[in-house]
Amino acid sequence: MIGRSFLAQAFALVILATMAAHAQVKPELVLRQLEQDAAAASVRNDTEFFDRVLAPDWTGIDVLGRQIDKPMALAAMKSKKVKMLSLQIFDVQIRFLKEDVAVVTGRVTATATFAGKAGTVKSVARFTDIFAQQQGKWIVMATQATPVKGG
């Protein structure tokens, strides 16, 4: 009996340790996946995705240095003046400022076409996204993108 009780306690401790490890890793994995999902949503021109993950008061600085807000970003996507052909995220780094606030940086390469213009445009940028967890979900509070010459 004592041996069985000890094994049960040891097993319970292993389960708790595993759960604690996953709880610490999970937010990072969620944020990495959100970045990949955002890239895929850009190619699909999925405004519903961005309506869900951008905070109501989200603000961004685009690669041309213009400040934009959520309604402007969604309107630009709905206009379909730009068609993302591909968008890939690399070199993602995540820093937690608090348990529910994170800074995500990385590099993005994009290929797009513009309505009324022939050919495609390829670009590379570095980005910063500020995430906050609200009501159990991670949302983007702010975004900044800087073009990188030569990739």
N, C-alpha and C. Protein backbone atom coordinates (compact mmCIF):
# COMPACT_ATOMS: atom_id res chain seq x y z
N MET A 1 0.81 -1.20 0.00
CA MET A 1 0.00 0.00 0.00
C MET A 1 0.85 1.27 0.00
N ILE A 2 1.90 1.28 0.80
CA ILE A 2 2.73 2.48 0.86
C ILE A 2 3.40 2.71 -0.49
N GLY A 3 3.85 1.67 -1.11
CA GLY A 3 4.49 1.79 -2.42
C GLY A 3 3.53 2.35 -3.46
N ARG A 4 2.30 1.91 -3.43
CA ARG A 4 1.29 2.38 -4.39
C ARG A 4 0.97 3.86 -4.15
N SER A 5 0.87 4.26 -2.90
CA SER A 5 0.59 5.66 -2.55
C SER A 5 1.74 6.56 -3.00
N PHE A 6 2.96 6.09 -2.78
CA PHE A 6 4.13 6.87 -3.20
C PHE A 6 4.14 7.05 -4.72
N LEU A 7 3.86 5.96 -5.44
CA LEU A 7 3.82 6.04 -6.90
C LEU A 7 2.73 7.00 -7.36
N ALA A 8 1.59 6.97 -6.73
CA ALA A 8 0.48 7.88 -7.10
C ALA A 8 0.89 9.33 -6.87
N GLN A 9 1.55 9.60 -5.74
CA GLN A 9 2.00 10.97 -5.46
C GLN A 9 3.07 11.41 -6.46
N ALA A 10 3.99 10.52 -6.77
CA ALA A 10 5.06 10.84 -7.73
C ALA A 10 4.45 11.11 -9.10
N PHE A 11 3.50 10.28 -9.51
CA PHE A 11 2.83 10.46 -10.78
C PHE A 11 2.09 11.80 -10.81
N ALA A 12 1.41 12.14 -9.73
CA ALA A 12 0.69 13.42 -9.64
C ALA A 12 1.67 14.59 -9.76
N LEU A 13 2.83 14.48 -9.13
CA LEU A 13 3.83 15.55 -9.22
C LEU A 13 4.36 15.70 -10.65
N VAL A 14 4.56 14.59 -11.34
CA VAL A 14 5.02 14.64 -12.73
C VAL A 14 3.96 15.32 -13.59
N ILE A 15 2.71 14.98 -13.39
CA ILE A 15 1.62 15.60 -14.16
C ILE A 15 1.56 17.10 -13.88
N LEU A 16 1.65 17.49 -12.61
CA LEU A 16 1.61 18.92 -12.27
C LEU A 16 2.81 19.66 -12.87
N ALA A 17 3.99 19.06 -12.82
CA ALA A 17 5.17 19.70 -13.41
C ALA A 17 5.02 19.86 -14.91
N THR A 18 4.48 18.84 -15.57
CA THR A 18 4.25 18.91 -17.01
C THR A 18 3.24 20.00 -17.34
N MET A 19 2.16 20.07 -16.56
CA MET A 19 1.15 21.10 -16.80
C MET A 19 1.75 22.49 -16.60
N ALA A 20 2.57 22.65 -15.58
CA ALA A 20 3.20 23.96 -15.33
C ALA A 20 4.13 24.34 -16.47
N ALA A 21 4.89 23.37 -16.98
CA ALA A 21 5.79 23.66 -18.11
C ALA A 21 5.00 24.07 -19.33
N HIS A 22 3.91 23.38 -19.62
CA HIS A 22 3.08 23.73 -20.78
C HIS A 22 2.41 25.08 -20.59
N ALA A 23 2.02 25.40 -19.37
CA ALA A 23 1.38 26.69 -19.11
C ALA A 23 2.36 27.82 -19.39
N GLN A 24 3.66 27.61 -19.11
CA GLN A 24 4.65 28.64 -19.35
C GLN A 24 4.95 28.76 -20.85
N VAL A 25 4.94 27.67 -21.57
CA VAL A 25 5.28 27.67 -22.99
C VAL A 25 4.08 28.10 -23.83
N LYS A 26 2.89 27.78 -23.40
CA LYS A 26 1.71 27.97 -24.23
C LYS A 26 1.53 29.40 -24.76
N PRO A 27 1.67 30.47 -23.95
CA PRO A 27 1.48 31.82 -24.52
C PRO A 27 2.43 32.11 -25.67
N GLU A 28 3.67 31.66 -25.57
CA GLU A 28 4.63 31.89 -26.64
C GLU A 28 4.19 31.17 -27.92
N LEU A 29 3.73 29.94 -27.76
CA LEU A 29 3.27 29.18 -28.93
C LEU A 29 2.04 29.82 -29.55
N VAL A 30 1.14 30.31 -28.70
CA VAL A 30 -0.07 30.98 -29.19
C VAL A 30 0.31 32.22 -30.00
N LEU A 31 1.24 33.01 -29.49
CA LEU A 31 1.65 34.23 -30.19
C LEU A 31 2.37 33.91 -31.50
N ARG A 32 3.22 32.91 -31.50
CA ARG A 32 3.88 32.49 -32.75
C ARG A 32 2.84 32.06 -33.78
N GLN A 33 1.84 31.31 -33.33
CA GLN A 33 0.81 30.86 -34.25
C GLN A 33 -0.04 32.02 -34.75
N LEU A 34 -0.32 32.98 -33.88
CA LEU A 34 -1.09 34.16 -34.31
C LEU A 34 -0.35 34.93 -35.41
N GLU A 35 0.96 35.03 -35.29
CA GLU A 35 1.74 35.72 -36.34
C GLU A 35 1.62 34.96 -37.66
N GLN A 36 1.73 33.63 -37.61
CA GLN A 36 1.60 32.83 -38.83
C GLN A 36 0.18 32.91 -39.39
N ASP A 37 -0.81 32.89 -38.49
CA ASP A 37 -2.21 33.01 -38.92
C ASP A 37 -2.46 34.37 -39.58
N ALA A 38 -1.84 35.42 -39.06
CA ALA A 38 -2.00 36.75 -39.64
C ALA A 38 -1.41 36.80 -41.05
N ALA A 39 -0.27 36.14 -41.24
CA ALA A 39 0.33 36.10 -42.57
C ALA A 39 -0.61 35.40 -43.54
N ALA A 40 -1.16 34.26 -43.14
CA ALA A 40 -2.09 33.52 -44.00
C ALA A 40 -3.36 34.33 -44.25
N ALA A 41 -3.86 35.02 -43.23
CA ALA A 41 -5.07 35.84 -43.38
C ALA A 41 -4.82 37.00 -44.34
N SER A 42 -3.61 37.54 -44.35
CA SER A 42 -3.28 38.62 -45.29
C SER A 42 -3.38 38.13 -46.72
N VAL A 43 -2.88 36.92 -46.98
CA VAL A 43 -2.93 36.36 -48.33
C VAL A 43 -4.38 36.06 -48.73
N ARG A 44 -5.19 35.61 -47.76
CA ARG A 44 -6.61 35.33 -48.03
C ARG A 44 -7.46 36.59 -48.05
N ASN A 45 -6.85 37.73 -47.65
CA ASN A 45 -7.58 38.99 -47.53
C ASN A 45 -8.75 38.83 -46.55
N ASP A 46 -8.46 38.20 -45.43
CA ASP A 46 -9.46 37.83 -44.42
C ASP A 46 -9.64 38.97 -43.41
N THR A 47 -10.53 39.89 -43.73
CA THR A 47 -10.76 41.03 -42.84
C THR A 47 -11.41 40.59 -41.52
N GLU A 48 -12.17 39.52 -41.53
CA GLU A 48 -12.80 39.04 -40.29
C GLU A 48 -11.75 38.62 -39.27
N PHE A 49 -10.67 37.98 -39.74
CA PHE A 49 -9.58 37.59 -38.84
C PHE A 49 -9.00 38.83 -38.17
N PHE A 50 -8.69 39.86 -38.97
CA PHE A 50 -8.08 41.06 -38.41
C PHE A 50 -9.05 41.84 -37.54
N ASP A 51 -10.33 41.79 -37.85
CA ASP A 51 -11.32 42.44 -36.99
C ASP A 51 -11.32 41.80 -35.60
N ARG A 52 -11.08 40.48 -35.54
CA ARG A 52 -11.04 39.77 -34.26
C ARG A 52 -9.75 40.00 -33.48
N VAL A 53 -8.61 40.04 -34.17
CA VAL A 53 -7.34 40.06 -33.44
C VAL A 53 -6.75 41.46 -33.23
N LEU A 54 -7.25 42.45 -33.94
CA LEU A 54 -6.78 43.82 -33.70
C LEU A 54 -7.67 44.46 -32.63
N ALA A 55 -7.05 45.09 -31.65
CA ALA A 55 -7.79 45.80 -30.60
C ALA A 55 -8.63 46.90 -31.24
N PRO A 56 -9.76 47.24 -30.65
CA PRO A 56 -10.58 48.32 -31.21
C PRO A 56 -9.79 49.62 -31.40
N ASP A 57 -8.85 49.89 -30.49
CA ASP A 57 -8.04 51.12 -30.60
C ASP A 57 -6.64 50.84 -31.14
N TRP A 58 -6.49 49.73 -31.89
CA TRP A 58 -5.20 49.38 -32.50
C TRP A 58 -4.69 50.54 -33.34
N THR A 59 -3.38 50.70 -33.31
CA THR A 59 -2.72 51.68 -34.18
C THR A 59 -1.49 51.02 -34.79
N GLY A 60 -1.17 51.44 -35.99
CA GLY A 60 -0.02 50.89 -36.67
C GLY A 60 0.77 51.97 -37.40
N ILE A 61 2.03 51.66 -37.60
CA ILE A 61 2.90 52.48 -38.45
C ILE A 61 3.31 51.56 -39.59
N ASP A 62 2.90 51.93 -40.82
CA ASP A 62 3.19 51.06 -41.95
C ASP A 62 4.60 51.29 -42.48
N VAL A 63 4.98 50.54 -43.52
CA VAL A 63 6.35 50.61 -44.06
C VAL A 63 6.66 51.95 -44.71
N LEU A 64 5.64 52.76 -44.96
CA LEU A 64 5.86 54.10 -45.50
C LEU A 64 5.88 55.16 -44.40
N GLY A 65 5.77 54.72 -43.15
CA GLY A 65 5.81 55.64 -42.03
C GLY A 65 4.48 56.30 -41.71
N ARG A 66 3.41 55.83 -42.32
CA ARG A 66 2.09 56.41 -42.08
C ARG A 66 1.44 55.76 -40.86
N GLN A 67 0.79 56.58 -40.04
CA GLN A 67 0.05 56.05 -38.91
C GLN A 67 -1.36 55.67 -39.38
N ILE A 68 -1.78 54.46 -39.04
CA ILE A 68 -3.09 53.98 -39.43
C ILE A 68 -3.81 53.41 -38.21
N ASP A 69 -5.13 53.40 -38.28
CA ASP A 69 -5.90 52.80 -37.21
C ASP A 69 -6.65 51.58 -37.75
N LYS A 70 -7.38 50.91 -36.89
CA LYS A 70 -8.06 49.67 -37.30
C LYS A 70 -9.05 49.90 -38.44
N PRO A 71 -9.93 50.91 -38.36
CA PRO A 71 -10.85 51.10 -39.48
C PRO A 71 -10.14 51.36 -40.81
N MET A 72 -9.05 52.11 -40.78
CA MET A 72 -8.29 52.37 -42.01
C MET A 72 -7.69 51.08 -42.56
N ALA A 73 -7.13 50.24 -41.68
CA ALA A 73 -6.51 48.99 -42.12
C ALA A 73 -7.54 48.05 -42.73
N LEU A 74 -8.69 47.93 -42.06
CA LEU A 74 -9.75 47.05 -42.59
C LEU A 74 -10.30 47.58 -43.91
N ALA A 75 -10.46 48.90 -44.02
CA ALA A 75 -10.96 49.49 -45.28
C ALA A 75 -9.97 49.24 -46.41
N ALA A 76 -8.69 49.34 -46.13
CA ALA A 76 -7.67 49.11 -47.16
C ALA A 76 -7.74 47.66 -47.65
N MET A 77 -7.94 46.72 -46.72
CA MET A 77 -8.05 45.32 -47.13
C MET A 77 -9.30 45.10 -47.97
N LYS A 78 -10.41 45.70 -47.55
CA LYS A 78 -11.68 45.52 -48.26
C LYS A 78 -11.64 46.14 -49.65
N SER A 79 -10.82 47.18 -49.85
CA SER A 79 -10.74 47.83 -51.15
C SER A 79 -10.08 46.94 -52.20
N LYS A 80 -9.28 45.99 -51.76
CA LYS A 80 -8.58 45.04 -52.62
C LYS A 80 -7.65 45.72 -53.62
N LYS A 81 -7.16 46.91 -53.27
CA LYS A 81 -6.19 47.59 -54.13
C LYS A 81 -4.84 46.90 -54.10
N VAL A 82 -4.58 46.21 -52.99
CA VAL A 82 -3.34 45.43 -52.85
C VAL A 82 -3.74 43.98 -52.67
N LYS A 83 -3.10 43.09 -53.43
CA LYS A 83 -3.34 41.66 -53.31
C LYS A 83 -2.04 40.99 -52.87
N MET A 84 -2.05 40.48 -51.63
CA MET A 84 -0.88 39.75 -51.13
C MET A 84 -0.83 38.39 -51.80
N LEU A 85 0.26 38.10 -52.46
CA LEU A 85 0.45 36.80 -53.08
C LEU A 85 1.13 35.83 -52.11
N SER A 86 2.05 36.37 -51.32
CA SER A 86 2.71 35.57 -50.29
C SER A 86 3.18 36.50 -49.18
N LEU A 87 3.22 35.96 -47.99
CA LEU A 87 3.70 36.71 -46.83
C LEU A 87 4.27 35.68 -45.86
N GLN A 88 5.56 35.80 -45.57
CA GLN A 88 6.21 34.83 -44.70
C GLN A 88 6.86 35.55 -43.52
N ILE A 89 6.73 34.94 -42.34
CA ILE A 89 7.25 35.49 -41.10
C ILE A 89 8.48 34.68 -40.69
N PHE A 90 9.57 35.38 -40.31
CA PHE A 90 10.81 34.74 -39.88
C PHE A 90 11.34 35.43 -38.63
N ASP A 91 12.32 34.80 -38.01
CA ASP A 91 13.10 35.40 -36.91
C ASP A 91 12.22 35.97 -35.80
N VAL A 92 11.17 35.27 -35.45
CA VAL A 92 10.25 35.77 -34.42
C VAL A 92 10.89 35.67 -33.04
N GLN A 93 10.86 36.77 -32.33
CA GLN A 93 11.34 36.85 -30.95
C GLN A 93 10.18 37.36 -30.10
N ILE A 94 10.00 36.77 -28.93
CA ILE A 94 8.90 37.17 -28.05
C ILE A 94 9.47 37.53 -26.69
N ARG A 95 9.06 38.69 -26.19
CA ARG A 95 9.47 39.14 -24.86
C ARG A 95 8.19 39.49 -24.09
N PHE A 96 8.04 38.87 -22.94
CA PHE A 96 6.87 39.16 -22.11
C PHE A 96 7.21 40.29 -21.15
N LEU A 97 6.43 41.37 -21.22
CA LEU A 97 6.61 42.49 -20.30
C LEU A 97 5.90 42.19 -18.99
N LYS A 98 4.78 41.52 -19.11
CA LYS A 98 4.00 41.00 -17.98
C LYS A 98 3.42 39.69 -18.46
N GLU A 99 2.73 39.00 -17.60
CA GLU A 99 2.13 37.72 -17.98
C GLU A 99 1.16 37.88 -19.15
N ASP A 100 0.52 39.05 -19.23
CA ASP A 100 -0.51 39.27 -20.25
C ASP A 100 -0.16 40.35 -21.27
N VAL A 101 1.12 40.71 -21.35
CA VAL A 101 1.58 41.71 -22.32
C VAL A 101 2.89 41.21 -22.93
N ALA A 102 2.95 41.21 -24.28
CA ALA A 102 4.15 40.71 -24.96
C ALA A 102 4.52 41.60 -26.14
N VAL A 103 5.82 41.67 -26.39
CA VAL A 103 6.35 42.35 -27.56
C VAL A 103 6.88 41.26 -28.48
N VAL A 104 6.38 41.25 -29.72
CA VAL A 104 6.80 40.26 -30.70
C VAL A 104 7.50 41.01 -31.84
N THR A 105 8.72 40.59 -32.13
CA THR A 105 9.47 41.19 -33.24
C THR A 105 9.81 40.09 -34.24
N GLY A 106 10.05 40.50 -35.46
CA GLY A 106 10.43 39.53 -36.48
C GLY A 106 10.68 40.19 -37.82
N ARG A 107 10.80 39.34 -38.81
CA ARG A 107 11.06 39.79 -40.17
C ARG A 107 9.97 39.20 -41.06
N VAL A 108 9.52 39.98 -42.03
CA VAL A 108 8.47 39.53 -42.93
C VAL A 108 8.91 39.78 -44.37
N THR A 109 8.68 38.80 -45.22
CA THR A 109 8.89 38.99 -46.66
C THR A 109 7.53 38.88 -47.33
N ALA A 110 7.27 39.77 -48.26
CA ALA A 110 5.96 39.81 -48.91
C ALA A 110 6.11 39.99 -50.41
N THR A 111 5.18 39.41 -51.13
CA THR A 111 5.05 39.62 -52.56
C THR A 111 3.61 40.02 -52.80
N ALA A 112 3.42 41.14 -53.52
CA ALA A 112 2.06 41.66 -53.72
C ALA A 112 1.92 42.25 -55.11
N THR A 113 0.67 42.37 -55.52
CA THR A 113 0.34 43.10 -56.74
C THR A 113 -0.54 44.27 -56.35
N PHE A 114 -0.52 45.31 -57.16
CA PHE A 114 -1.31 46.51 -56.91
C PHE A 114 -2.29 46.70 -58.05
N ALA A 115 -3.55 46.99 -57.71
CA ALA A 115 -4.59 47.17 -58.72
C ALA A 115 -4.16 48.23 -59.73
N GLY A 116 -4.30 47.90 -61.01
CA GLY A 116 -3.98 48.84 -62.07
C GLY A 116 -2.52 48.91 -62.43
N LYS A 117 -1.65 48.13 -61.78
CA LYS A 117 -0.23 48.16 -62.08
C LYS A 117 0.23 46.76 -62.47
N ALA A 118 1.09 46.70 -63.47
CA ALA A 118 1.60 45.42 -63.94
C ALA A 118 2.72 44.93 -63.03
N GLY A 119 2.84 43.63 -62.91
CA GLY A 119 3.95 43.05 -62.17
C GLY A 119 3.70 42.94 -60.67
N THR A 120 4.69 42.37 -60.00
CA THR A 120 4.61 42.18 -58.56
C THR A 120 5.69 43.00 -57.86
N VAL A 121 5.46 43.25 -56.61
CA VAL A 121 6.42 43.97 -55.77
C VAL A 121 6.81 43.04 -54.64
N LYS A 122 8.12 42.92 -54.43
CA LYS A 122 8.62 42.11 -53.31
C LYS A 122 9.23 43.05 -52.29
N SER A 123 8.98 42.76 -51.02
CA SER A 123 9.52 43.62 -49.97
C SER A 123 9.90 42.79 -48.75
N VAL A 124 10.81 43.35 -47.96
CA VAL A 124 11.23 42.76 -46.70
C VAL A 124 11.13 43.86 -45.65
N ALA A 125 10.62 43.49 -44.48
CA ALA A 125 10.49 44.47 -43.39
C ALA A 125 10.75 43.79 -42.06
N ARG A 126 11.10 44.58 -41.10
CA ARG A 126 11.16 44.16 -39.69
C ARG A 126 9.89 44.69 -39.05
N PHE A 127 9.32 43.92 -38.13
CA PHE A 127 8.08 44.36 -37.50
C PHE A 127 8.14 44.20 -35.99
N THR A 128 7.30 44.97 -35.33
CA THR A 128 7.06 44.85 -33.90
C THR A 128 5.56 44.85 -33.69
N ASP A 129 5.07 43.86 -32.98
CA ASP A 129 3.67 43.80 -32.58
C ASP A 129 3.61 43.79 -31.06
N ILE A 130 2.73 44.60 -30.50
CA ILE A 130 2.49 44.61 -29.07
C ILE A 130 1.17 43.87 -28.84
N PHE A 131 1.23 42.79 -28.07
CA PHE A 131 0.05 41.98 -27.76
C PHE A 131 -0.35 42.16 -26.31
N ALA A 132 -1.65 42.08 -26.05
CA ALA A 132 -2.17 42.04 -24.69
C ALA A 132 -3.22 40.93 -24.63
N GLN A 133 -3.28 40.28 -23.51
CA GLN A 133 -4.29 39.24 -23.34
C GLN A 133 -5.48 39.87 -22.63
N GLN A 134 -6.64 39.79 -23.28
CA GLN A 134 -7.87 40.34 -22.72
C GLN A 134 -8.95 39.28 -22.80
N GLN A 135 -9.59 39.04 -21.70
CA GLN A 135 -10.65 38.03 -21.62
C GLN A 135 -10.19 36.69 -22.17
N GLY A 136 -8.95 36.34 -21.86
CA GLY A 136 -8.40 35.05 -22.25
C GLY A 136 -7.90 34.95 -23.68
N LYS A 137 -7.97 36.03 -24.45
CA LYS A 137 -7.52 36.01 -25.84
C LYS A 137 -6.42 37.04 -26.05
N TRP A 138 -5.45 36.69 -26.88
CA TRP A 138 -4.38 37.62 -27.23
C TRP A 138 -4.85 38.50 -28.39
N ILE A 139 -4.70 39.81 -28.24
CA ILE A 139 -5.04 40.75 -29.32
C ILE A 139 -3.86 41.68 -29.55
N VAL A 140 -3.79 42.23 -30.75
CA VAL A 140 -2.70 43.14 -31.12
C VAL A 140 -3.13 44.56 -30.77
N MET A 141 -2.31 45.23 -29.98
CA MET A 141 -2.57 46.61 -29.57
C MET A 141 -1.93 47.62 -30.51
N ALA A 142 -0.74 47.28 -31.02
CA ALA A 142 -0.01 48.20 -31.89
C ALA A 142 0.95 47.40 -32.77
N THR A 143 1.23 47.96 -33.95
CA THR A 143 2.13 47.33 -34.91
C THR A 143 3.01 48.41 -35.52
N GLN A 144 4.26 48.07 -35.79
CA GLN A 144 5.17 48.97 -36.48
C GLN A 144 5.99 48.14 -37.44
N ALA A 145 6.15 48.64 -38.67
CA ALA A 145 6.93 47.93 -39.69
C ALA A 145 7.96 48.88 -40.29
N THR A 146 9.16 48.37 -40.49
CA THR A 146 10.25 49.15 -41.07
C THR A 146 10.81 48.38 -42.26
N PRO A 147 10.87 49.00 -43.44
CA PRO A 147 11.43 48.29 -44.60
C PRO A 147 12.92 48.02 -44.39
N VAL A 148 13.36 46.89 -44.96
CA VAL A 148 14.75 46.50 -44.90
C VAL A 148 15.26 46.42 -46.33
N LYS A 149 16.29 47.17 -46.64
CA LYS A 149 16.85 47.14 -47.99
C LYS A 149 17.72 45.92 -48.17
N GLY A 150 17.57 45.30 -49.31
CA GLY A 150 18.41 44.16 -49.66
C GLY A 150 18.03 42.86 -48.97
N GLY A 151 16.93 42.85 -48.23
CA GLY A 151 16.46 41.61 -47.62
C GLY A 151 17.14 41.30 -46.35
